[in-house]
All heavy atoms as atom14 arrays in JSON, in Angstrom:
{
  "sequence": "GWYRQAPGKQRELVAIIISGGPITYAVSVK",
  "atom14_mask": [
    [1, 1, 1, 1, 0, 0, 0, 0, 0, 0, 0, 0, 0, 0],
    [1, 1, 1, 1, 1, 1, 1, 1, 1, 1, 1, 1, 1, 1],
    [1, 1, 1, 1, 1, 1, 1, 1, 1, 1, 1, 1, 0, 0],
    [1, 1, 1, 1, 1, 1, 1, 1, 1, 1, 1, 0, 0, 0],
    [1, 1, 1, 1, 1, 1, 1, 1, 1, 0, 0, 0, 0, 0],
    [1, 1, 1, 1, 1, 0, 0, 0, 0, 0, 0, 0, 0, 0],
    [1, 1, 1, 1, 1, 1, 1, 0, 0, 0, 0, 0, 0, 0],
    [1, 1, 1, 1, 0, 0, 0, 0, 0, 0, 0, 0, 0, 0],
    [1, 1, 1, 1, 1, 1, 1, 1, 1, 0, 0, 0, 0, 0],
    [1, 1, 1, 1, 1, 1, 1, 1, 1, 0, 0, 0, 0, 0],
    [1, 1, 1, 1, 1, 1, 1, 1, 1, 1, 1, 0, 0, 0],
    [1, 1, 1, 1, 1, 1, 1, 1, 1, 0, 0, 0, 0, 0],
    [1, 1, 1, 1, 1, 1, 1, 1, 0, 0, 0, 0, 0, 0],
    [1, 1, 1, 1, 1, 1, 1, 0, 0, 0, 0, 0, 0, 0],
    [1, 1, 1, 1, 1, 0, 0, 0, 0, 0, 0, 0, 0, 0],
    [1, 1, 1, 1, 1, 1, 1, 1, 0, 0, 0, 0, 0, 0],
    [1, 1, 1, 1, 1, 1, 1, 1, 0, 0, 0, 0, 0, 0],
    [1, 1, 1, 1, 1, 1, 1, 1, 0, 0, 0, 0, 0, 0],
    [1, 1, 1, 1, 1, 1, 0, 0, 0, 0, 0, 0, 0, 0],
    [1, 1, 1, 1, 0, 0, 0, 0, 0, 0, 0, 0, 0, 0],
    [1, 1, 1, 1, 0, 0, 0, 0, 0, 0, 0, 0, 0, 0],
    [1, 1, 1, 1, 1, 1, 1, 0, 0, 0, 0, 0, 0, 0],
    [1, 1, 1, 1, 1, 1, 1, 1, 0, 0, 0, 0, 0, 0],
    [1, 1, 1, 1, 1, 1, 1, 0, 0, 0, 0, 0, 0, 0],
    [1, 1, 1, 1, 1, 1, 1, 1, 1, 1, 1, 1, 0, 0],
    [1, 1, 1, 1, 1, 0, 0, 0, 0, 0, 0, 0, 0, 0],
    [1, 1, 1, 1, 1, 1, 1, 0, 0, 0, 0, 0, 0, 0],
    [1, 1, 1, 1, 1, 1, 0, 0, 0, 0, 0, 0, 0, 0],
    [1, 1, 1, 1, 1, 1, 1, 0, 0, 0, 0, 0, 0, 0],
    [1, 1, 1, 1, 1, 1, 1, 1, 1, 0, 0, 0, 0, 0]
  ],
  "atom14_positions": [
    [[-86.85, -9.74, -8.11], [-85.45, -9.72, -8.47], [-84.73, -11.03, -8.3], [-85.29, -12.02, -7.8], [0.0, 0.0, 0.0], [0.0, 0.0, 0.0], [0.0, 0.0, 0.0], [0.0, 0.0, 0.0], [0.0, 0.0, 0.0], [0.0, 0.0, 0.0], [0.0, 0.0, 0.0], [0.0, 0.0, 0.0], [0.0, 0.0, 0.0], [0.0, 0.0, 0.0]],
    [[-83.5, -11.05, -8.75], [-82.57, -12.17, -8.61], [-81.38, -11.74, -7.81], [-80.83, -10.65, -8.03], [-82.12, -12.69, -9.98], [-83.17, -13.46, -10.71], [-84.05, -12.97, -11.63], [-83.43, -14.85, -10.61], [-84.85, -13.98, -12.11], [-84.5, -15.15, -11.49], [-82.87, -15.89, -9.84], [-85.01, -16.44, -11.65], [-83.39, -17.16, -9.98], [-84.45, -17.42, -10.89]],
    [[-80.98, -12.6, -6.89], [-79.8, -12.4, -6.06], [-78.91, -13.63, -6.19], [-79.36, -14.7, -6.61], [-80.19, -12.19, -4.6], [-80.98, -10.92, -4.34], [-82.32, -10.83, -4.72], [-80.4, -9.83, -3.68], [-83.04, -9.68, -4.49], [-81.14, -8.68, -3.45], [-82.46, -8.62, -3.84], [-83.18, -7.45, -3.6], [0.0, 0.0, 0.0], [0.0, 0.0, 0.0]],
    [[-77.68, -13.49, -5.79], [-76.78, -14.65, -5.79], [-75.86, -14.61, -4.58], [-75.58, -13.53, -4.04], [-75.96, -14.72, -7.08], [-74.96, -13.6, -7.28], [-74.33, -13.69, -8.65], [-73.33, -12.66, -8.86], [-72.74, -12.45, -10.03], [-73.04, -13.21, -11.09], [-71.83, -11.47, -10.15], [0.0, 0.0, 0.0], [0.0, 0.0, 0.0], [0.0, 0.0, 0.0]],
    [[-75.38, -15.78, -4.19], [-74.48, -15.88, -3.08], [-73.42, -16.93, -3.4], [-73.71, -18.1, -3.6], [-75.23, -16.27, -1.81], [-74.37, -16.22, -0.55], [-75.19, -16.27, 0.72], [-76.33, -16.73, 0.71], [-74.62, -15.81, 1.81], [0.0, 0.0, 0.0], [0.0, 0.0, 0.0], [0.0, 0.0, 0.0], [0.0, 0.0, 0.0], [0.0, 0.0, 0.0]],
    [[-72.18, -16.49, -3.46], [-71.05, -17.37, -3.67], [-70.49, -17.8, -2.31], [-70.71, -17.14, -1.31], [-69.98, -16.65, -4.48], [0.0, 0.0, 0.0], [0.0, 0.0, 0.0], [0.0, 0.0, 0.0], [0.0, 0.0, 0.0], [0.0, 0.0, 0.0], [0.0, 0.0, 0.0], [0.0, 0.0, 0.0], [0.0, 0.0, 0.0], [0.0, 0.0, 0.0]],
    [[-69.78, -18.92, -2.28], [-69.2, -19.39, -1.01], [-68.34, -18.33, -0.34], [-67.49, -17.72, -0.97], [-68.36, -20.61, -1.42], [-69.01, -21.11, -2.67], [-69.48, -19.88, -3.38], [0.0, 0.0, 0.0], [0.0, 0.0, 0.0], [0.0, 0.0, 0.0], [0.0, 0.0, 0.0], [0.0, 0.0, 0.0], [0.0, 0.0, 0.0], [0.0, 0.0, 0.0]],
    [[-68.59, -18.09, 0.94], [-67.83, -17.13, 1.68], [-68.19, -15.68, 1.41], [-67.54, -14.77, 1.93], [0.0, 0.0, 0.0], [0.0, 0.0, 0.0], [0.0, 0.0, 0.0], [0.0, 0.0, 0.0], [0.0, 0.0, 0.0], [0.0, 0.0, 0.0], [0.0, 0.0, 0.0], [0.0, 0.0, 0.0], [0.0, 0.0, 0.0], [0.0, 0.0, 0.0]],
    [[-69.2, -15.45, 0.58], [-69.62, -14.11, 0.22], [-71.04, -13.86, 0.7], [-71.82, -14.78, 0.9], [-69.54, -13.91, -1.28], [-68.17, -14.14, -1.9], [-67.2, -13.05, -1.51], [-65.85, -13.28, -2.21], [-65.96, -13.13, -3.7], [0.0, 0.0, 0.0], [0.0, 0.0, 0.0], [0.0, 0.0, 0.0], [0.0, 0.0, 0.0], [0.0, 0.0, 0.0]],
    [[-71.36, -12.6, 0.87], [-72.72, -12.25, 1.24], [-73.61, -12.23, -0.02], [-73.13, -12.1, -1.13], [-72.77, -10.9, 1.95], [-72.36, -9.7, 1.12], [-72.4, -8.41, 1.9], [-72.71, -8.41, 3.1], [-72.1, -7.32, 1.26], [0.0, 0.0, 0.0], [0.0, 0.0, 0.0], [0.0, 0.0, 0.0], [0.0, 0.0, 0.0], [0.0, 0.0, 0.0]],
    [[-74.87, -12.38, 0.2], [-75.81, -12.36, -0.9], [-75.83, -10.97, -1.54], [-75.86, -9.95, -0.84], [-77.21, -12.74, -0.41], [-78.21, -13.0, -1.5], [-79.5, -13.61, -0.94], [-79.25, -14.9, -0.32], [-80.21, -15.65, 0.22], [-81.47, -15.26, 0.18], [-79.89, -16.81, 0.78], [0.0, 0.0, 0.0], [0.0, 0.0, 0.0], [0.0, 0.0, 0.0]],
    [[-75.83, -10.96, -2.87], [-75.78, -9.71, -3.59], [-76.88, -9.64, -4.64], [-77.3, -10.65, -5.19], [-74.41, -9.47, -4.24], [-74.1, -10.46, -5.34], [-72.79, -10.17, -6.07], [-72.26, -9.05, -5.89], [-72.33, -11.04, -6.8], [0.0, 0.0, 0.0], [0.0, 0.0, 0.0], [0.0, 0.0, 0.0], [0.0, 0.0, 0.0], [0.0, 0.0, 0.0]],
    [[-77.33, -8.45, -4.92], [-78.32, -8.21, -5.93], [-77.71, -8.42, -7.31], [-76.61, -7.94, -7.6], [-78.87, -6.8, -5.82], [-79.85, -6.35, -6.9], [-81.16, -7.13, -6.8], [-80.12, -4.84, -6.8], [0.0, 0.0, 0.0], [0.0, 0.0, 0.0], [0.0, 0.0, 0.0], [0.0, 0.0, 0.0], [0.0, 0.0, 0.0], [0.0, 0.0, 0.0]],
    [[-78.44, -9.13, -8.17], [-78.03, -9.33, -9.56], [-78.84, -8.46, -10.48], [-78.3, -7.74, -11.32], [-78.15, -10.8, -9.98], [-77.81, -10.98, -11.45], [-77.27, -11.68, -9.09], [0.0, 0.0, 0.0], [0.0, 0.0, 0.0], [0.0, 0.0, 0.0], [0.0, 0.0, 0.0], [0.0, 0.0, 0.0], [0.0, 0.0, 0.0], [0.0, 0.0, 0.0]],
    [[-80.17, -8.53, -10.36], [-81.07, -7.77, -11.2], [-82.39, -7.63, -10.5], [-82.82, -8.51, -9.77], [-81.25, -8.46, -12.58], [0.0, 0.0, 0.0], [0.0, 0.0, 0.0], [0.0, 0.0, 0.0], [0.0, 0.0, 0.0], [0.0, 0.0, 0.0], [0.0, 0.0, 0.0], [0.0, 0.0, 0.0], [0.0, 0.0, 0.0], [0.0, 0.0, 0.0]],
    [[-83.07, -6.52, -10.73], [-84.33, -6.29, -10.02], [-85.27, -5.46, -10.89], [-84.84, -4.53, -11.58], [-84.07, -5.61, -8.67], [-85.34, -5.58, -7.82], [-83.44, -4.24, -8.82], [-85.08, -5.24, -6.36], [0.0, 0.0, 0.0], [0.0, 0.0, 0.0], [0.0, 0.0, 0.0], [0.0, 0.0, 0.0], [0.0, 0.0, 0.0], [0.0, 0.0, 0.0]],
    [[-86.54, -5.82, -10.84], [-87.6, -5.04, -11.45], [-88.33, -4.32, -10.33], [-88.87, -4.95, -9.44], [-88.6, -5.93, -12.23], [-87.9, -6.73, -13.31], [-89.72, -5.08, -12.83], [-88.77, -7.81, -13.93], [0.0, 0.0, 0.0], [0.0, 0.0, 0.0], [0.0, 0.0, 0.0], [0.0, 0.0, 0.0], [0.0, 0.0, 0.0], [0.0, 0.0, 0.0]],
    [[-88.32, -3.03, -10.38], [-89.0, -2.22, -9.4], [-90.35, -1.79, -9.96], [-90.42, -1.24, -11.07], [-88.16, -1.01, -8.99], [-86.83, -1.46, -8.4], [-88.91, -0.11, -8.01], [-85.85, -0.32, -8.15], [0.0, 0.0, 0.0], [0.0, 0.0, 0.0], [0.0, 0.0, 0.0], [0.0, 0.0, 0.0], [0.0, 0.0, 0.0], [0.0, 0.0, 0.0]],
    [[-91.4, -2.06, -9.21], [-92.74, -1.71, -9.67], [-92.83, -0.22, -9.93], [-92.54, 0.58, -9.04], [-93.78, -2.16, -8.64], [-95.09, -1.84, -9.09], [0.0, 0.0, 0.0], [0.0, 0.0, 0.0], [0.0, 0.0, 0.0], [0.0, 0.0, 0.0], [0.0, 0.0, 0.0], [0.0, 0.0, 0.0], [0.0, 0.0, 0.0], [0.0, 0.0, 0.0]],
    [[-93.26, 0.1, -11.12], [-93.38, 1.49, -11.5], [-92.07, 2.21, -11.73], [-92.04, 3.43, -11.9], [0.0, 0.0, 0.0], [0.0, 0.0, 0.0], [0.0, 0.0, 0.0], [0.0, 0.0, 0.0], [0.0, 0.0, 0.0], [0.0, 0.0, 0.0], [0.0, 0.0, 0.0], [0.0, 0.0, 0.0], [0.0, 0.0, 0.0], [0.0, 0.0, 0.0]],
    [[-91.0, 1.45, -11.71], [-89.69, 2.05, -11.85], [-88.81, 1.3, -12.83], [-89.27, 0.54, -13.67], [0.0, 0.0, 0.0], [0.0, 0.0, 0.0], [0.0, 0.0, 0.0], [0.0, 0.0, 0.0], [0.0, 0.0, 0.0], [0.0, 0.0, 0.0], [0.0, 0.0, 0.0], [0.0, 0.0, 0.0], [0.0, 0.0, 0.0], [0.0, 0.0, 0.0]],
    [[-87.51, 1.52, -12.72], [-86.59, 0.95, -13.7], [-86.22, -0.5, -13.39], [-86.49, -1.02, -12.31], [-85.35, 1.84, -13.54], [-85.37, 2.19, -12.08], [-86.83, 2.37, -11.73], [0.0, 0.0, 0.0], [0.0, 0.0, 0.0], [0.0, 0.0, 0.0], [0.0, 0.0, 0.0], [0.0, 0.0, 0.0], [0.0, 0.0, 0.0], [0.0, 0.0, 0.0]],
    [[-85.6, -1.13, -14.36], [-84.92, -2.4, -14.18], [-83.46, -2.08, -13.91], [-82.83, -1.31, -14.65], [-85.05, -3.31, -15.41], [-86.53, -3.66, -15.66], [-84.22, -4.57, -15.24], [-86.77, -4.42, -16.92], [0.0, 0.0, 0.0], [0.0, 0.0, 0.0], [0.0, 0.0, 0.0], [0.0, 0.0, 0.0], [0.0, 0.0, 0.0], [0.0, 0.0, 0.0]],
    [[-82.94, -2.65, -12.85], [-81.59, -2.35, -12.42], [-80.74, -3.62, -12.38], [-81.2, -4.66, -11.93], [-81.6, -1.68, -11.03], [-82.38, -0.49, -11.09], [-80.19, -1.31, -10.58], [0.0, 0.0, 0.0], [0.0, 0.0, 0.0], [0.0, 0.0, 0.0], [0.0, 0.0, 0.0], [0.0, 0.0, 0.0], [0.0, 0.0, 0.0], [0.0, 0.0, 0.0]],
    [[-79.5, -3.51, -12.83], [-78.57, -4.62, -12.85], [-77.32, -4.28, -12.08], [-76.9, -3.12, -12.03], [-78.16, -4.99, -14.28], [-79.29, -5.47, -15.16], [-80.02, -4.58, -15.93], [-79.63, -6.82, -15.19], [-81.06, -5.02, -16.73], [-80.66, -7.24, -15.99], [-81.38, -6.35, -16.76], [-82.41, -6.81, -17.55], [0.0, 0.0, 0.0], [0.0, 0.0, 0.0]],
    [[-76.74, -5.31, -11.47], [-75.41, -5.15, -10.91], [-74.42, -4.79, -12.02], [-74.55, -5.28, -13.15], [-74.96, -6.41, -10.19], [0.0, 0.0, 0.0], [0.0, 0.0, 0.0], [0.0, 0.0, 0.0], [0.0, 0.0, 0.0], [0.0, 0.0, 0.0], [0.0, 0.0, 0.0], [0.0, 0.0, 0.0], [0.0, 0.0, 0.0], [0.0, 0.0, 0.0]],
    [[-73.46, -3.96, -11.7], [-72.47, -3.57, -12.7], [-71.78, -4.79, -13.3], [-71.5, -4.82, -14.51], [-71.43, -2.6, -12.08], [-70.29, -2.34, -13.06], [-72.1, -1.31, -11.68], [0.0, 0.0, 0.0], [0.0, 0.0, 0.0], [0.0, 0.0, 0.0], [0.0, 0.0, 0.0], [0.0, 0.0, 0.0], [0.0, 0.0, 0.0], [0.0, 0.0, 0.0]],
    [[-71.54, -5.8, -12.48], [-70.8, -6.96, -12.95], [-71.54, -7.79, -13.98], [-70.92, -8.58, -14.69], [-70.45, -7.86, -11.75], [-71.61, -8.29, -11.08], [0.0, 0.0, 0.0], [0.0, 0.0, 0.0], [0.0, 0.0, 0.0], [0.0, 0.0, 0.0], [0.0, 0.0, 0.0], [0.0, 0.0, 0.0], [0.0, 0.0, 0.0], [0.0, 0.0, 0.0]],
    [[-72.87, -7.64, -14.09], [-73.66, -8.44, -15.02], [-74.32, -7.6, -16.1], [-74.9, -8.16, -17.04], [-74.73, -9.29, -14.3], [-74.1, -10.1, -13.19], [-75.87, -8.42, -13.78], [0.0, 0.0, 0.0], [0.0, 0.0, 0.0], [0.0, 0.0, 0.0], [0.0, 0.0, 0.0], [0.0, 0.0, 0.0], [0.0, 0.0, 0.0], [0.0, 0.0, 0.0]],
    [[-74.24, -6.31, -15.98], [-74.91, -5.43, -16.94], [-74.4, -5.68, -18.35], [-73.21, -5.76, -18.6], [-74.72, -3.98, -16.55], [-75.65, -3.0, -17.26], [-75.54, -1.61, -16.65], [-76.56, -0.66, -17.27], [-76.49, 0.68, -16.67], [0.0, 0.0, 0.0], [0.0, 0.0, 0.0], [0.0, 0.0, 0.0], [0.0, 0.0, 0.0], [0.0, 0.0, 0.0]]
  ]
}
């Protein structure tokens, strides 16, 4: 997956490929 971290913010999930499962996106980037 891909994560991102903005200044003063915690690291957040952007997009992820789960083995044997779905591809999931953060609502903000979907």
